[in-house]
Amino acid sequence: MQPNKISDQIRKSKYISRDLSWIRFNYRVLDQAKDTSRSLFDRLKFIAITASNFDEFFMIRVGSLYNYIDYGKERIDYSGLRELPFRRKLYEFAHRLVNDIYLTYQHEIQPLFVKNGFQICQIDDLTEIEQRKASNYFKDTIYPMLTPMVYDNYHGFPLLMNQGLIFGVVTKTDESKAQNRLTFIQLPQNIGRFYEIQRKDKLLFVPIEEIIRWQIDKLFRNVEIVAVSLFRITRNGDFTLEESDDIDADFIQEIKLKLKTRKKGRVVRVEIEKNASPFMVRALKERWNIDNANFFIINPGNLIDLKGLWQILKHPQFRNNLARQLTPVPPLSLPDLEQEDLFEYLKTRDVLLHHPFNSIEPVLRLLERAAEDPNVLAIKQTIYRLADQSRVTAALLRAAENGKHVSVLFEVKARFDEERNIKEGEKLEKAGCFVIYGINKYKTHTKMLMIIRKEEGEKVTRYVHIGSGNYNEQTSRQYTDISLLTTDETYAHDVSEFFNVITGHSF
């Protein structure tokens, strides 16, 4: 389909393309990085966020498109375009956005580094003493972690890691001057992106890829290095699931197997520095069945993978320069959390929480109190995404240990949290909790908590929390959500019915 016909089709469509709309959304994130009223560090943060968003976009949305292309399945986008014309348009939009991101970074943000007390340096920018420090860091820390992986007639193509920086090194030996050989070197992902050097007037951040490039001859003996090219790949991270009625066995095992395939998923994007070796590029195209559209050329002076900027943003010297998060205020309906017994308080009034302006603390306190309260009979909860060292799962574990009935739905189809949710679910199962891992053919995105408590006599009260945000004490300080704590029987009845449906498989 001709480019003008593709554009005409998009304009005529009654619907908005989900994927093209996402790219437009990321332009709005980029606008925050362009905002000169923000501090440099806030602008750097939004540049890093656009890079992170783009990684997920290619892994999932573009990966999903390739699931149709690679297996010859029909797909019609909301724009009305079939698979291949839509792929062409999608990559065109993506290249345009990447170009705008790097223009913003290079011309609007990078020039502000020095006056803000730091600099991203090349090796030639270092003094002799500083170069000696960098050389020692390479010898002592980086060099032992590097493994050259040759690809030739005697060695198969190595498995290259998703979203890691990789050097492709083209060499010639004395014995075969006419024949090039290709070797890959994956950069360590468990050390910082930058080597840090403190000068009197500023902090220097030296990209580790530049240190390795500078010392790369140490890895090759008696061979001629023809070209050294840095690149980074993004693999398809989307997968489809063949769900069966036996969700507790077959389904969970299938997810575990599918998670392993993400490391080997087809390549959907290659970020590569300008003037990379044509020999290497041809080899990558042939191996991964990709074309020019998949290659995103990064000009000299720019970083491949701008997520590395988080190391600067989190540095002790600069972390306080980011815009501070507002301190949450007590909700109007619960002015003094410390003085109130939440069980008694909620019997007579509801508490409406507006996050992040109100803290999630009342919800966590109620759950933690329920885990210890001898009058609490049962706790039921849905979980989508959890914080690291989650207080939620800690409270549920304590509740189970204290003999309470605990039922939890862990949504194992929560994108990129599948493995974590399976592990947390299995941990709760071992403690005696009743755990289910989602509903067949559906994704459970609802957030509900119900605490059943025995009151005086034979009376039982159902304490309910419902909301739009995850039970995650970290992201609740960033994302805008609404939630409600209540004992209203209308809500309690509906939530109770919901749990009966999902745990009884009557959906």
Protein backbone atom coordinates (compact mmCIF):
# COMPACT_ATOMS: atom_id res chain seq x y z
CA MET A 1 0.00 0.00 0.00
CA GLN A 2 1.35 3.43 -0.96
CA PRO A 3 2.17 5.90 1.88
CA ASN A 4 -0.55 8.36 0.83
CA LYS A 5 -3.14 5.55 0.81
CA ILE A 6 -2.05 4.47 4.30
CA SER A 7 -2.54 8.02 5.60
CA ASP A 8 -5.92 8.28 3.86
CA GLN A 9 -7.06 5.02 5.46
CA ILE A 10 -6.10 6.28 8.94
CA ARG A 11 -7.98 9.54 8.41
CA LYS A 12 -11.10 7.73 7.17
CA SER A 13 -11.23 5.27 10.05
CA LYS A 14 -13.95 5.82 12.64
CA TYR A 15 -11.63 4.49 15.34
CA ILE A 16 -8.36 5.56 16.94
CA SER A 17 -5.41 3.21 16.61
CA ARG A 18 -4.35 2.07 20.07
CA ASP A 19 -0.67 1.86 19.09
CA LEU A 20 -0.44 5.14 17.17
CA SER A 21 -2.31 6.79 20.03
CA TRP A 22 0.28 5.45 22.48
CA ILE A 23 3.07 7.13 20.50
CA ARG A 24 1.17 10.41 20.68
CA PHE A 25 0.84 9.89 24.43
CA ASN A 26 4.61 9.52 24.75
CA TYR A 27 4.98 12.85 22.97
CA ARG A 28 3.14 14.35 25.93
CA VAL A 29 5.69 12.78 28.26
CA LEU A 30 8.45 14.25 26.07
CA ASP A 31 6.77 17.67 26.39
CA GLN A 32 7.51 17.49 30.13
CA ALA A 33 11.21 17.07 29.30
CA LYS A 34 11.01 20.13 27.03
CA ASP A 35 9.41 22.28 29.74
CA THR A 36 12.03 24.92 30.64
CA SER A 37 10.17 25.84 33.83
CA ARG A 38 11.23 22.47 35.26
CA SER A 39 14.65 21.78 36.77
CA LEU A 40 17.21 19.97 34.65
CA PHE A 41 16.86 16.88 36.83
CA ASP A 42 13.09 16.73 36.37
CA ARG A 43 13.59 17.07 32.63
CA LEU A 44 16.16 14.26 32.68
CA LYS A 45 13.67 12.12 34.58
CA PHE A 46 11.05 12.54 31.86
CA ILE A 47 13.61 11.73 29.15
CA ALA A 48 14.40 8.50 31.02
CA ILE A 49 10.67 7.75 31.33
CA THR A 50 10.13 8.13 27.58
CA ALA A 51 12.92 5.60 27.03
CA SER A 52 11.39 3.17 29.53
CA ASN A 53 7.96 3.58 27.94
CA PHE A 54 9.39 2.89 24.52
CA ASP A 55 11.04 -0.33 25.71
CA GLU A 56 7.72 -1.66 26.97
CA PHE A 57 5.94 -0.46 23.82
CA PHE A 58 8.24 -2.45 21.56
CA MET A 59 8.25 -5.53 23.76
CA ILE A 60 4.47 -5.70 24.06
CA ARG A 61 2.62 -3.70 21.42
CA VAL A 62 5.09 -4.19 18.55
CA GLY A 63 5.78 -7.71 19.81
CA SER A 64 2.06 -8.46 19.59
CA LEU A 65 1.98 -7.19 16.00
CA TYR A 66 4.85 -9.54 15.09
CA ASN A 67 2.94 -12.46 16.59
CA TYR A 68 0.48 -11.96 13.73
CA ILE A 69 3.09 -11.24 11.04
CA ASP A 70 5.39 -14.14 11.91
CA TYR A 71 2.60 -16.71 12.08
CA GLY A 72 0.66 -15.44 9.08
CA LYS A 73 -2.42 -14.51 11.10
CA GLU A 74 -4.79 -11.77 10.02
CA ARG A 75 -4.88 -8.59 12.06
CA ILE A 76 -6.77 -5.40 11.23
CA ASP A 77 -5.81 -2.41 13.34
CA TYR A 78 -8.43 0.07 14.55
CA SER A 79 -7.04 2.38 11.88
CA GLY A 80 -8.32 -0.12 9.29
CA LEU A 81 -4.83 -1.19 8.20
CA ARG A 82 -3.68 -4.79 7.77
CA GLU A 83 -0.51 -6.11 9.42
CA LEU A 84 2.24 -5.04 7.01
CA PRO A 85 0.93 -1.56 6.07
CA PHE A 86 0.31 -0.91 9.75
CA ARG A 87 3.83 -2.08 10.67
CA ARG A 88 5.21 0.39 8.13
CA LYS A 89 3.22 3.28 9.59
CA LEU A 90 3.96 2.31 13.18
CA TYR A 91 7.71 2.25 12.64
CA GLU A 92 7.53 5.54 10.76
CA PHE A 93 5.86 7.16 13.78
CA ALA A 94 8.33 5.48 16.14
CA HIS A 95 11.39 6.70 14.22
CA ARG A 96 10.02 10.22 14.27
CA LEU A 97 9.51 10.13 18.03
CA VAL A 98 12.98 8.68 18.70
CA ASN A 99 14.50 11.43 16.60
CA ASP A 100 12.63 14.07 18.59
CA ILE A 101 13.68 12.50 21.91
CA TYR A 102 17.35 12.63 20.99
CA LEU A 103 17.14 16.14 19.55
CA THR A 104 15.65 17.27 22.85
CA TYR A 105 18.31 15.46 24.84
CA GLN A 106 21.27 16.62 22.76
CA HIS A 107 20.32 20.25 22.10
CA GLU A 108 18.08 21.28 25.00
CA ILE A 109 19.17 19.21 27.99
CA GLN A 110 22.77 18.08 27.56
CA PRO A 111 24.15 21.67 27.35
CA LEU A 112 22.85 22.28 30.90
CA PHE A 113 24.89 19.51 32.51
CA VAL A 114 28.06 21.42 33.39
CA LYS A 115 26.39 24.33 35.16
CA ASN A 116 24.42 21.80 37.20
CA GLY A 117 27.59 20.19 38.53
CA PHE A 118 28.16 17.15 36.35
CA GLN A 119 29.23 16.01 32.91
CA ILE A 120 28.90 12.84 30.84
CA CYS A 121 32.45 12.39 29.54
CA GLN A 122 34.31 10.59 26.83
CA ILE A 123 37.74 9.10 27.52
CA ASP A 124 39.47 12.02 25.78
CA ASP A 125 37.83 14.43 28.25
CA LEU A 126 39.70 12.85 31.16
CA THR A 127 43.03 13.90 32.57
CA GLU A 128 45.90 11.44 32.64
CA ILE A 129 45.24 10.60 36.29
CA GLU A 130 41.52 10.13 35.61
CA GLN A 131 42.27 7.87 32.65
CA ARG A 132 44.49 5.78 34.92
CA LYS A 133 41.56 5.40 37.34
CA ALA A 134 39.27 4.38 34.51
CA SER A 135 41.87 1.89 33.24
CA ASN A 136 42.18 0.33 36.70
CA TYR A 137 38.39 0.09 36.96
CA PHE A 138 38.34 -1.76 33.65
CA LYS A 139 41.13 -4.12 34.70
CA ASP A 140 39.80 -4.88 38.17
CA THR A 141 36.03 -4.83 37.71
CA ILE A 142 34.88 -4.88 34.10
CA TYR A 143 37.44 -7.07 32.32
CA PRO A 144 36.83 -10.24 34.40
CA MET A 145 33.10 -10.04 33.55
CA LEU A 146 33.47 -9.80 29.77
CA THR A 147 33.09 -12.84 27.51
CA PRO A 148 33.80 -12.50 23.77
CA MET A 149 31.42 -14.75 21.80
CA VAL A 150 32.54 -15.46 18.25
CA TYR A 151 30.09 -16.24 15.45
CA ASP A 152 31.51 -18.10 12.46
CA ASN A 153 31.31 -21.42 10.65
CA TYR A 154 32.41 -23.26 13.79
CA HIS A 155 30.44 -21.31 16.42
CA GLY A 156 26.68 -20.80 16.46
CA PHE A 157 25.01 -17.44 16.86
CA PRO A 158 25.02 -16.63 20.59
CA LEU A 159 21.91 -15.75 22.59
CA LEU A 160 22.10 -11.98 23.05
CA MET A 161 20.33 -10.49 26.05
CA ASN A 162 17.21 -8.40 25.71
CA GLN A 163 17.78 -4.67 26.33
CA GLY A 164 21.45 -5.03 27.18
CA LEU A 165 24.27 -3.09 25.53
CA ILE A 166 26.34 -5.20 23.15
CA PHE A 167 29.51 -4.60 21.17
CA GLY A 168 29.80 -6.23 17.76
CA VAL A 169 33.49 -6.54 16.90
CA VAL A 170 34.60 -7.38 13.36
CA THR A 171 38.11 -8.88 13.18
CA LYS A 172 40.58 -10.50 10.81
CA THR A 173 43.26 -13.03 11.67
CA ASP A 174 46.72 -13.32 10.20
CA GLU A 175 45.75 -16.66 8.64
CA SER A 176 42.63 -15.36 6.87
CA LYS A 177 43.11 -11.70 6.07
CA ALA A 178 40.39 -11.79 3.47
CA GLN A 179 37.68 -13.17 5.76
CA ASN A 180 35.93 -11.16 8.48
CA ARG A 181 34.85 -12.71 11.75
CA LEU A 182 32.17 -11.36 14.05
CA THR A 183 32.40 -11.41 17.83
CA PHE A 184 29.82 -10.16 20.33
CA ILE A 185 30.62 -8.77 23.77
CA GLN A 186 27.70 -8.21 26.13
CA LEU A 187 28.20 -5.45 28.66
CA PRO A 188 27.63 -6.35 32.32
CA GLN A 189 24.14 -5.43 33.50
CA ASN A 190 24.87 -5.75 37.21
CA ILE A 191 27.18 -2.76 37.50
CA GLY A 192 26.44 0.94 37.04
CA ARG A 193 26.03 2.39 33.57
CA PHE A 194 28.62 5.05 34.40
CA TYR A 195 31.99 5.07 36.12
CA GLU A 196 32.01 8.06 38.43
CA ILE A 197 34.96 10.40 38.97
CA GLN A 198 34.85 13.39 41.29
CA ARG A 199 36.59 16.54 40.15
CA LYS A 200 36.82 19.63 42.30
CA ASP A 201 34.19 21.51 40.33
CA LYS A 202 31.96 18.70 39.08
CA LEU A 203 31.13 15.02 39.01
CA LEU A 204 32.13 13.09 35.89
CA PHE A 205 30.08 10.20 34.55
CA VAL A 206 32.00 8.03 32.09
CA PRO A 207 29.83 5.50 30.21
CA ILE A 208 31.21 2.01 30.76
CA GLU A 209 30.77 1.26 27.05
CA GLU A 210 33.34 3.96 26.29
CA ILE A 211 35.77 2.48 28.79
CA ILE A 212 35.35 -0.95 27.19
CA ARG A 213 35.69 0.48 23.67
CA TRP A 214 38.92 2.21 24.76
CA GLN A 215 40.35 -1.05 26.18
CA ILE A 216 38.75 -3.53 23.82
CA ASP A 217 42.05 -4.60 22.27
CA LYS A 218 42.83 -6.32 25.60
CA LEU A 219 40.23 -8.93 24.64
CA PHE A 220 41.73 -9.73 21.24
CA ARG A 221 45.25 -11.07 20.77
CA ASN A 222 46.97 -11.50 17.41
CA VAL A 223 43.95 -10.31 15.45
CA GLU A 224 43.21 -7.13 13.57
CA ILE A 225 40.15 -5.22 14.80
CA VAL A 226 38.30 -3.92 11.74
CA ALA A 227 35.26 -2.33 13.40
CA VAL A 228 33.67 -1.92 16.83
CA SER A 229 29.93 -1.16 16.89
CA LEU A 230 27.64 -0.68 19.88
CA PHE A 231 24.01 -1.76 19.71
CA ARG A 232 21.08 -2.82 21.86
CA ILE A 233 18.19 -5.12 21.00
CA THR A 234 14.57 -5.34 22.13
CA ARG A 235 12.85 -8.70 21.91
CA ASN A 236 9.19 -9.59 21.66
CA GLY A 237 7.94 -9.88 25.25
CA ASP A 238 4.30 -10.54 24.39
CA PHE A 239 2.88 -14.02 24.54
CA THR A 240 -0.50 -15.62 24.13
CA LEU A 241 -1.76 -18.27 26.51
CA GLU A 242 -3.71 -21.42 25.75
CA GLU A 243 -5.89 -21.38 28.86
CA SER A 244 -7.55 -24.53 30.10
CA ASP A 245 -10.08 -25.20 32.83
CA ASP A 246 -7.28 -26.64 34.95
CA ILE A 247 -5.93 -23.16 35.72
CA ASP A 248 -4.08 -24.26 38.86
CA ALA A 249 -1.81 -26.63 36.95
CA ASP A 250 -1.58 -26.32 33.18
CA PHE A 251 -2.07 -22.55 33.09
CA ILE A 252 0.57 -21.70 35.70
CA GLN A 253 3.08 -24.05 34.13
CA GLU A 254 2.43 -22.50 30.73
CA ILE A 255 3.06 -19.02 32.08
CA LYS A 256 6.34 -20.17 33.63
CA LEU A 257 7.39 -21.65 30.28
CA LYS A 258 6.30 -18.55 28.36
CA LEU A 259 8.28 -16.28 30.70
CA LYS A 260 11.43 -18.18 29.73
CA THR A 261 10.75 -17.52 26.04
CA ARG A 262 11.05 -13.74 26.59
CA LYS A 263 14.82 -14.19 26.68
CA LYS A 264 14.68 -15.75 23.21
CA GLY A 265 11.83 -13.74 21.68
CA ARG A 266 12.17 -12.46 18.13
CA VAL A 267 14.02 -9.15 17.79
CA VAL A 268 11.71 -6.22 17.03
CA ARG A 269 14.11 -3.30 17.45
CA VAL A 270 17.85 -2.65 17.19
CA GLU A 271 19.25 0.62 18.55
CA ILE A 272 22.64 1.05 16.95
CA GLU A 273 25.26 3.75 16.71
CA LYS A 274 25.76 5.60 13.46
CA ASN A 275 28.33 4.22 10.99
CA ALA A 276 28.13 0.72 12.44
CA SER A 277 29.88 -2.06 10.54
CA PRO A 278 27.89 -2.96 7.38
CA PHE A 279 29.20 -6.51 7.72
CA MET A 280 27.69 -6.81 11.20
CA VAL A 281 24.42 -5.13 10.19
CA ARG A 282 23.98 -7.61 7.31
CA ALA A 283 24.58 -10.51 9.69
CA LEU A 284 21.99 -9.20 12.17
CA LYS A 285 19.39 -8.64 9.45
CA GLU A 286 19.85 -12.14 8.11
CA ARG A 287 19.87 -13.81 11.51
CA TRP A 288 16.81 -12.01 12.92
CA ASN A 289 14.80 -11.54 9.71
CA ILE A 290 14.62 -7.77 10.14
CA ASP A 291 15.03 -4.80 7.82
CA ASN A 292 15.99 -1.12 7.93
CA ALA A 293 12.78 -0.16 9.71
CA ASN A 294 13.88 -2.19 12.76
CA PHE A 295 17.14 -0.23 13.07
CA PHE A 296 17.13 3.00 15.07
CA ILE A 297 20.32 4.94 14.36
CA ILE A 298 21.75 6.87 17.33
CA ASN A 299 24.06 9.76 16.44
CA PRO A 300 27.47 10.31 18.07
CA GLY A 301 27.33 12.17 21.38
CA ASN A 302 24.11 10.44 22.43
CA LEU A 303 23.57 7.53 24.75
CA ILE A 304 22.01 4.30 23.57
CA ASP A 305 19.40 3.52 26.25
CA LEU A 306 18.56 6.75 28.02
CA LYS A 307 17.25 4.80 31.01
CA GLY A 308 20.87 4.86 32.17
CA LEU A 309 20.28 8.48 33.21
CA TRP A 310 18.59 7.17 36.37
CA GLN A 311 22.05 6.58 37.84
CA ILE A 312 22.63 10.34 37.72
CA LEU A 313 19.17 11.15 39.05
CA LYS A 314 19.58 8.77 42.01
CA HIS A 315 23.10 9.92 42.87
CA PRO A 316 23.29 11.20 46.48
CA GLN A 317 24.66 14.50 45.21
CA PHE A 318 21.62 15.15 42.99
CA ARG A 319 18.68 13.11 44.24
CA ASN A 320 17.29 16.06 46.22
CA ASN A 321 17.20 18.17 43.05
CA LEU A 322 14.17 16.31 41.74
CA ALA A 323 10.78 17.84 42.43
CA ARG A 324 9.77 16.60 45.84
CA GLN A 325 6.72 14.49 46.25
CA LEU A 326 3.99 16.24 48.18
CA THR A 327 3.47 14.96 51.70
CA PRO A 328 0.13 13.16 51.80
CA VAL A 329 -2.55 14.84 53.91
CA PRO A 330 -5.16 13.06 56.07
CA PRO A 331 -8.48 12.52 54.31
CA LEU A 332 -11.25 14.87 55.47
CA SER A 333 -13.26 11.88 56.67
CA LEU A 334 -10.35 10.55 58.79
CA PRO A 335 -8.46 13.54 60.23
CA ASP A 336 -6.50 11.59 62.88
CA LEU A 337 -5.46 8.09 61.90
CA GLU A 338 -3.21 7.64 64.92
CA GLN A 339 -6.02 8.17 67.42
CA GLU A 340 -8.76 6.20 65.71
CA ASP A 341 -9.67 2.53 66.02
CA LEU A 342 -10.41 1.88 62.34
CA PHE A 343 -12.73 -1.03 63.07
CA GLU A 344 -14.92 1.13 65.29
CA TYR A 345 -14.60 4.20 63.08
CA LEU A 346 -15.72 2.44 59.89
CA LYS A 347 -18.86 1.11 61.52
CA THR A 348 -20.37 4.59 61.41
CA ARG A 349 -18.74 6.34 58.45
CA ASP A 350 -16.91 5.75 55.18
CA VAL A 351 -13.40 6.96 54.33
CA LEU A 352 -12.79 8.20 50.79
CA LEU A 353 -9.11 8.33 49.78
CA HIS A 354 -7.72 10.29 46.83
CA HIS A 355 -4.19 9.08 46.11
CA PRO A 356 -1.44 10.28 46.03
CA PHE A 357 -2.78 13.29 47.95
CA ASN A 358 -4.07 10.94 50.66
CA SER A 359 -1.83 8.14 51.86
CA ILE A 360 -2.61 4.44 51.44
CA GLU A 361 -1.62 4.08 55.09
CA PRO A 362 -5.21 3.63 56.44
CA VAL A 363 -5.65 0.61 54.16
CA LEU A 364 -2.33 -0.92 55.20
CA ARG A 365 -3.01 -0.27 58.88
CA LEU A 366 -6.43 -1.88 58.64
CA LEU A 367 -5.00 -4.98 56.96
CA GLU A 368 -2.11 -5.25 59.43
CA ARG A 369 -4.48 -4.81 62.35
CA ALA A 370 -6.79 -7.47 60.90
CA ALA A 371 -3.87 -9.93 60.68
CA GLU A 372 -3.39 -9.70 64.45
CA ASP A 373 -6.97 -9.13 65.66
CA PRO A 374 -8.37 -12.31 67.27
CA ASN A 375 -11.91 -11.32 66.23
CA VAL A 376 -11.07 -11.29 62.51
CA LEU A 377 -12.29 -14.50 60.93
CA ALA A 378 -11.28 -14.13 57.27
CA ILE A 379 -9.52 -11.85 54.79
CA LYS A 380 -10.15 -11.90 51.04
CA GLN A 381 -8.18 -9.79 48.55
CA THR A 382 -7.34 -9.33 44.88
CA ILE A 383 -3.76 -8.44 43.98
CA TYR A 384 -2.43 -7.11 40.69
CA ARG A 385 0.91 -5.39 41.40
CA LEU A 386 2.80 -5.32 44.70
CA ALA A 387 5.59 -3.19 46.11
CA ASP A 388 9.04 -4.61 46.81
CA GLN A 389 9.02 -6.08 50.38
CA SER A 390 5.29 -5.61 50.36
CA ARG A 391 3.52 -4.92 53.66
CA VAL A 392 0.40 -6.43 52.07
CA THR A 393 1.77 -9.94 51.62
CA ALA A 394 3.56 -9.69 54.98
CA ALA A 395 0.20 -8.99 56.66
CA LEU A 396 -1.54 -11.81 54.77
CA LEU A 397 1.19 -14.24 55.84
CA ARG A 398 0.78 -13.18 59.47
CA ALA A 399 -2.98 -13.58 59.20
CA ALA A 400 -2.60 -17.14 57.90
CA GLU A 401 -0.09 -17.96 60.63
CA ASN A 402 -2.60 -16.65 63.18
CA GLY A 403 -5.21 -19.12 61.94
CA LYS A 404 -7.42 -16.82 59.88
CA HIS A 405 -8.92 -17.89 56.58
CA VAL A 406 -7.09 -15.99 53.84
CA SER A 407 -8.21 -16.06 50.20
CA VAL A 408 -6.17 -14.20 47.59
CA LEU A 409 -6.52 -13.78 43.85
CA PHE A 410 -3.10 -13.12 42.31
CA GLU A 411 -3.43 -11.94 38.71
CA VAL A 412 -0.58 -13.77 37.03
CA LYS A 413 -1.31 -12.06 33.71
CA ALA A 414 -0.18 -8.68 35.14
CA ARG A 415 2.35 -7.64 32.50
CA PHE A 416 5.99 -8.02 33.66
CA ASP A 417 4.81 -8.97 37.17
CA GLU A 418 3.80 -12.51 36.22
CA GLU A 419 6.82 -14.17 37.81
CA ARG A 420 6.67 -12.06 40.98
CA ASN A 421 2.96 -12.79 41.46
CA ILE A 422 3.45 -16.52 41.00
CA LYS A 423 6.26 -16.51 43.58
CA GLU A 424 4.27 -14.44 46.08
CA GLY A 425 1.21 -16.64 45.53
CA GLU A 426 3.20 -19.82 46.12
CA LYS A 427 4.64 -18.30 49.30
CA LEU A 428 1.13 -17.62 50.61
CA GLU A 429 -0.04 -21.11 49.60
CA LYS A 430 2.75 -22.66 51.67
CA ALA A 431 1.53 -20.60 54.64
CA GLY A 432 -1.96 -22.07 54.26
CA CYS A 433 -3.71 -19.36 52.25
CA PHE A 434 -6.23 -20.22 49.55
CA VAL A 435 -4.74 -18.74 46.36
CA ILE A 436 -6.13 -18.60 42.86
CA TYR A 437 -4.16 -17.29 39.92
CA GLY A 438 -6.72 -15.39 37.91
CA ILE A 439 -9.84 -16.25 35.98
CA ASN A 440 -9.80 -18.35 32.85
CA LYS A 441 -9.70 -16.19 29.70
CA TYR A 442 -9.97 -12.92 31.65
CA LYS A 443 -7.57 -10.51 33.33
CA THR A 444 -8.69 -9.43 36.81
CA HIS A 445 -7.79 -5.79 37.21
CA THR A 446 -10.16 -5.00 40.06
CA LYS A 447 -8.76 -4.01 43.48
CA MET A 448 -10.81 -5.31 46.41
CA LEU A 449 -10.22 -6.22 50.03
CA MET A 450 -12.76 -7.67 52.45
CA ILE A 451 -12.20 -8.33 56.16
CA ILE A 452 -14.81 -10.41 57.99
CA ARG A 453 -14.84 -9.67 61.72
CA LYS A 454 -16.92 -11.07 64.58
CA GLU A 455 -18.44 -8.34 66.72
CA GLU A 456 -20.44 -8.64 69.96
CA GLY A 457 -22.70 -11.65 70.12
CA GLU A 458 -23.19 -13.39 66.80
CA LYS A 459 -22.92 -10.24 64.68
CA VAL A 460 -20.39 -10.21 61.83
CA THR A 461 -19.23 -7.02 60.08
CA ARG A 462 -17.68 -6.96 56.61
CA TYR A 463 -15.03 -4.25 56.22
CA VAL A 464 -14.48 -3.48 52.56
CA HIS A 465 -11.91 -1.57 50.55
CA ILE A 466 -12.43 -0.99 46.83
CA GLY A 467 -10.29 1.21 44.59
CA SER A 468 -8.74 1.89 41.24
CA GLY A 469 -5.08 1.64 42.34
CA ASN A 470 -2.81 -1.29 43.16
CA TYR A 471 -2.10 -2.43 46.70
CA ASN A 472 1.37 -1.00 46.29
CA GLU A 473 2.70 1.38 48.93
CA GLN A 474 5.37 2.68 46.53
CA THR A 475 3.35 3.55 43.41
CA SER A 476 0.43 4.83 45.51
CA ARG A 477 2.62 7.87 46.21
CA GLN A 478 2.87 8.62 42.50
CA TYR A 479 -0.28 7.51 40.70
CA THR A 480 -3.68 9.18 40.88
CA ASP A 481 -6.38 6.83 42.17
CA ILE A 482 -9.57 6.78 44.19
CA SER A 483 -10.44 4.25 46.87
CA LEU A 484 -13.08 3.75 49.54
CA LEU A 485 -13.12 2.11 52.97
CA THR A 486 -16.62 1.19 54.07
CA THR A 487 -18.87 -1.21 55.97
CA ASP A 488 -21.92 -0.31 53.89
CA GLU A 489 -23.86 -3.53 53.34
CA THR A 490 -24.63 -2.71 49.69
CA TYR A 491 -20.92 -2.62 48.83
CA ALA A 492 -20.12 -5.51 51.18
CA HIS A 493 -22.76 -7.72 49.54
CA ASP A 494 -21.39 -7.04 46.03
CA VAL A 495 -17.79 -7.64 47.07
CA SER A 496 -18.76 -10.83 48.87
CA GLU A 497 -20.59 -12.06 45.77
CA PHE A 498 -17.55 -11.25 43.64
CA PHE A 499 -15.25 -13.37 45.82
CA ASN A 500 -17.74 -16.22 45.88
CA VAL A 501 -17.84 -16.19 42.09
CA ILE A 502 -14.10 -16.15 41.49
CA THR A 503 -13.20 -18.68 44.18
CA GLY A 504 -16.07 -20.98 43.28
CA HIS A 505 -15.27 -20.98 39.52
CA SER A 506 -18.87 -20.03 38.75
CA PHE A 507 -17.83 -17.22 36.42
